[in-house]
């Protein structure tokens, strides 16, 4: 999935779990635009990626596979 489609999926998953990107931003004391940019894959922040993934019940590697290559070099 591309950045925008994953972003929509992430927002949906967070909403279903009773939270939002804005709430994650507040929890991490960062700007909402930072969290949105990370969600869209425009910038990287391991801390924000991990918080988004945990809140959405995914792993960071599931949401941003190009950021977390498999040990054998494959993209699973």
C-alpha atoms as a PDB file:
ATOM      1  CA  UNK A   1       0.000   0.000   0.000  1.00  0.00           C
ATOM      2  CA  UNK A   2       1.141   3.531  -0.658  1.00  0.00           C
ATOM      3  CA  UNK A   3       1.592   6.151   2.049  1.00  0.00           C
ATOM      4  CA  UNK A   4      -1.828   7.785   1.624  1.00  0.00           C
ATOM      5  CA  UNK A   5      -3.756   4.508   1.589  1.00  0.00           C
ATOM      6  CA  UNK A   6      -1.885   3.231   4.649  1.00  0.00           C
ATOM      7  CA  UNK A   7      -2.554   6.576   6.339  1.00  0.00           C
ATOM      8  CA  UNK A   8      -6.292   6.101   5.869  1.00  0.00           C
ATOM      9  CA  UNK A   9      -6.081   2.516   7.116  1.00  0.00           C
ATOM     10  CA  UNK A  10      -4.089   3.627  10.169  1.00  0.00           C
ATOM     11  CA  UNK A  11      -6.639   6.327  10.998  1.00  0.00           C
ATOM     12  CA  UNK A  12      -9.458   3.773  10.652  1.00  0.00           C
ATOM     13  CA  UNK A  13      -7.657   1.236  12.869  1.00  0.00           C
ATOM     14  CA  UNK A  14      -6.972   3.869  15.527  1.00  0.00           C
ATOM     15  CA  UNK A  15     -10.584   5.050  15.484  1.00  0.00           C
ATOM     16  CA  UNK A  16     -11.807   1.477  15.959  1.00  0.00           C
ATOM     17  CA  UNK A  17      -9.538   1.217  18.992  1.00  0.00           C
ATOM     18  CA  UNK A  18     -10.813   4.488  20.459  1.00  0.00           C
ATOM     19  CA  UNK A  19      -7.821   6.700  19.758  1.00  0.00           C
ATOM     20  CA  UNK A  20      -6.444   8.983  17.069  1.00  0.00           C
ATOM     21  CA  UNK A  21      -3.270  10.398  15.595  1.00  0.00           C
ATOM     22  CA  UNK A  22      -3.946  13.579  17.580  1.00  0.00           C
ATOM     23  CA  UNK A  23      -4.096  11.586  20.809  1.00  0.00           C
ATOM     24  CA  UNK A  24      -0.807   9.898  19.974  1.00  0.00           C
ATOM     25  CA  UNK A  25       0.713  13.338  19.367  1.00  0.00           C
ATOM     26  CA  UNK A  26      -0.503  14.504  22.787  1.00  0.00           C
ATOM     27  CA  UNK A  27       0.788  11.344  24.460  1.00  0.00           C
ATOM     28  CA  UNK A  28       4.225  11.825  22.894  1.00  0.00           C
ATOM     29  CA  UNK A  29       4.277  15.630  23.326  1.00  0.00           C
ATOM     30  CA  UNK A  30       4.869  16.199  19.617  1.00  0.00           C
ATOM     31  CA  UNK A  31       2.883  18.181  17.079  1.00  0.00           C
ATOM     32  CA  UNK A  32      -0.050  16.486  15.348  1.00  0.00           C
ATOM     33  CA  UNK A  33       1.516  17.329  11.993  1.00  0.00           C
ATOM     34  CA  UNK A  34       4.600  15.328  12.951  1.00  0.00           C
ATOM     35  CA  UNK A  35       2.500  12.249  13.688  1.00  0.00           C
ATOM     36  CA  UNK A  36       0.545  12.710  10.455  1.00  0.00           C
ATOM     37  CA  UNK A  37       3.746  13.019   8.406  1.00  0.00           C
ATOM     38  CA  UNK A  38       5.118   9.846  10.002  1.00  0.00           C
ATOM     39  CA  UNK A  39       1.817   8.030   9.383  1.00  0.00           C
ATOM     40  CA  UNK A  40       1.974   9.008   5.710  1.00  0.00           C
ATOM     41  CA  UNK A  41       5.581   7.830   5.487  1.00  0.00           C
ATOM     42  CA  UNK A  42       6.872  11.310   4.631  1.00  0.00           C
ATOM     43  CA  UNK A  43       9.319  11.373   7.553  1.00  0.00           C
ATOM     44  CA  UNK A  44      10.727   8.752   9.902  1.00  0.00           C
ATOM     45  CA  UNK A  45      10.636   8.627  13.658  1.00  0.00           C
ATOM     46  CA  UNK A  46      11.052   5.259  15.285  1.00  0.00           C
ATOM     47  CA  UNK A  47       9.377   6.514  18.472  1.00  0.00           C
ATOM     48  CA  UNK A  48       6.305   7.803  16.610  1.00  0.00           C
ATOM     49  CA  UNK A  49       6.155   4.761  14.306  1.00  0.00           C
ATOM     50  CA  UNK A  50       6.202   2.449  17.325  1.00  0.00           C
ATOM     51  CA  UNK A  51       3.481   4.446  19.115  1.00  0.00           C
ATOM     52  CA  UNK A  52       1.231   4.467  16.040  1.00  0.00           C
ATOM     53  CA  UNK A  53       1.759   0.761  15.409  1.00  0.00           C
ATOM     54  CA  UNK A  54       1.113  -0.213  19.020  1.00  0.00           C
ATOM     55  CA  UNK A  55      -2.059   1.891  19.209  1.00  0.00           C
ATOM     56  CA  UNK A  56      -3.326   0.399  15.921  1.00  0.00           C
ATOM     57  CA  UNK A  57      -2.448  -3.205  16.943  1.00  0.00           C
ATOM     58  CA  UNK A  58       0.215  -3.665  14.253  1.00  0.00           C
ATOM     59  CA  UNK A  59       3.972  -3.831  14.220  1.00  0.00           C
ATOM     60  CA  UNK A  60       5.973  -0.986  12.682  1.00  0.00           C
ATOM     61  CA  UNK A  61       7.227  -3.448  10.046  1.00  0.00           C
ATOM     62  CA  UNK A  62       3.644  -4.213   8.991  1.00  0.00           C
ATOM     63  CA  UNK A  63       2.831  -0.538   8.478  1.00  0.00           C
ATOM     64  CA  UNK A  64       6.149   0.614   6.988  1.00  0.00           C
ATOM     65  CA  UNK A  65       7.844  -2.492   5.548  1.00  0.00           C
ATOM     66  CA  UNK A  66      10.424  -0.484   3.617  1.00  0.00           C
ATOM     67  CA  UNK A  67      11.637   0.992   6.912  1.00  0.00           C
ATOM     68  CA  UNK A  68      12.063  -2.431   8.525  1.00  0.00           C
ATOM     69  CA  UNK A  69      13.634  -4.851   6.039  1.00  0.00           C
ATOM     70  CA  UNK A  70      13.541  -8.538   6.821  1.00  0.00           C
ATOM     71  CA  UNK A  71      16.843 -10.014   8.094  1.00  0.00           C
ATOM     72  CA  UNK A  72      17.226 -12.100   4.923  1.00  0.00           C
ATOM     73  CA  UNK A  73      16.710  -8.988   2.789  1.00  0.00           C
ATOM     74  CA  UNK A  74      13.259 -10.015   1.593  1.00  0.00           C
ATOM     75  CA  UNK A  75      10.137  -7.858   1.881  1.00  0.00           C
ATOM     76  CA  UNK A  76       7.475 -10.083   3.399  1.00  0.00           C
END
